Amino acid sequence: MTYRLRLDPTVHGIYASLPDQARRDIAVCLLDALADPLGHSTPYGIDDGIMRVLAHGTITIAVLLDHDAKTITVVQLGYIG
């Protein structure tokens, strides 16, 4: 089952302010994770299956997974550029 993406308006504002390549890297990570969030992420600290990190190119994304509601919530974006 595909997960739904949740993005706070503040996080979306950060996303919108990034260069095109960084936004593409974020899109790649999130689209891949919607189908298989555990397979396309790594643990953030202790592997609890809930707090995870996605990374591609110049970006990292910290997310919370809610397996019952099938949602991925972006909590932080990191950009090296």
Protein backbone atom coordinates (compact mmCIF):
# COMPACT_ATOMS: atom_id res chain seq x y z
CA MET A 1 0.00 0.00 0.00
CA THR A 2 1.23 3.49 -0.83
CA TYR A 3 1.82 5.91 2.03
CA ARG A 4 0.52 9.49 2.04
CA LEU A 5 2.90 12.43 2.40
CA ARG A 6 2.39 15.09 5.08
CA LEU A 7 4.32 18.32 4.79
CA ASP A 8 3.97 21.24 7.21
CA PRO A 9 3.65 24.65 5.47
CA THR A 10 6.91 25.80 7.07
CA VAL A 11 8.78 22.77 5.72
CA HIS A 12 7.17 23.32 2.34
CA GLY A 13 8.45 26.91 2.40
CA ILE A 14 11.97 25.63 2.98
CA TYR A 15 11.53 23.15 0.13
CA ALA A 16 10.26 25.89 -2.21
CA SER A 17 13.29 28.08 -1.45
CA LEU A 18 15.85 25.43 -2.45
CA PRO A 19 17.58 25.24 -5.85
CA ASP A 20 15.95 23.07 -8.53
CA GLN A 21 18.45 20.19 -8.17
CA ALA A 22 17.89 19.97 -4.41
CA ARG A 23 14.12 19.94 -4.94
CA ARG A 24 14.52 17.13 -7.49
CA ASP A 25 16.62 15.14 -4.98
CA ILE A 26 13.88 15.58 -2.38
CA ALA A 27 11.21 14.48 -4.86
CA VAL A 28 13.19 11.34 -5.74
CA CYS A 29 13.54 10.38 -2.08
CA LEU A 30 9.94 11.01 -1.16
CA LEU A 31 8.40 9.36 -4.21
CA ASP A 32 10.49 6.22 -3.69
CA ALA A 33 9.65 6.17 0.02
CA LEU A 34 5.89 6.39 -0.53
CA ALA A 35 5.84 2.84 -1.87
CA ASP A 36 8.35 1.34 0.59
CA PRO A 37 9.40 3.75 3.38
CA LEU A 38 11.52 1.26 5.32
CA GLY A 39 13.29 0.05 2.19
CA HIS A 40 14.20 3.56 1.06
CA SER A 41 15.31 5.00 4.39
CA THR A 42 17.76 4.39 7.19
CA PRO A 43 17.23 4.54 10.95
CA TYR A 44 17.57 7.89 12.70
CA GLY A 45 19.44 6.79 15.80
CA ILE A 46 17.80 3.70 17.29
CA ASP A 47 15.97 1.61 14.67
CA ASP A 48 12.40 1.94 15.90
CA GLY A 49 10.88 1.86 12.40
CA ILE A 50 9.32 5.26 13.03
CA MET A 51 11.99 8.00 12.88
CA ARG A 52 13.91 7.59 9.62
CA VAL A 53 16.28 9.44 7.30
CA LEU A 54 16.11 9.69 3.52
CA ALA A 55 19.12 10.94 1.55
CA HIS A 56 19.98 11.57 -2.09
CA GLY A 57 22.55 13.84 -3.67
CA THR A 58 22.77 17.04 -1.67
CA ILE A 59 19.84 16.54 0.68
CA THR A 60 18.75 14.66 3.78
CA ILE A 61 15.19 14.39 5.02
CA ALA A 62 14.12 13.39 8.54
CA VAL A 63 10.69 11.75 8.52
CA LEU A 64 8.24 10.16 10.91
CA LEU A 65 6.48 7.01 9.69
CA ASP A 66 3.00 6.15 10.87
CA HIS A 67 2.47 2.59 9.70
CA ASP A 68 -1.11 2.41 10.97
CA ALA A 69 -2.28 5.58 9.18
CA LYS A 70 0.13 4.94 6.25
CA THR A 71 1.65 8.42 6.40
CA ILE A 72 5.13 9.87 6.05
CA THR A 73 5.57 13.22 7.79
CA VAL A 74 8.56 15.34 6.84
CA VAL A 75 9.98 16.95 9.98
CA GLN A 76 13.27 18.39 8.70
CA LEU A 77 15.09 19.07 5.44
CA GLY A 78 18.86 19.34 5.21
CA TYR A 79 20.71 20.74 2.20
CA ILE A 80 24.46 20.76 1.56
CA GLY A 81 25.08 23.30 -1.12
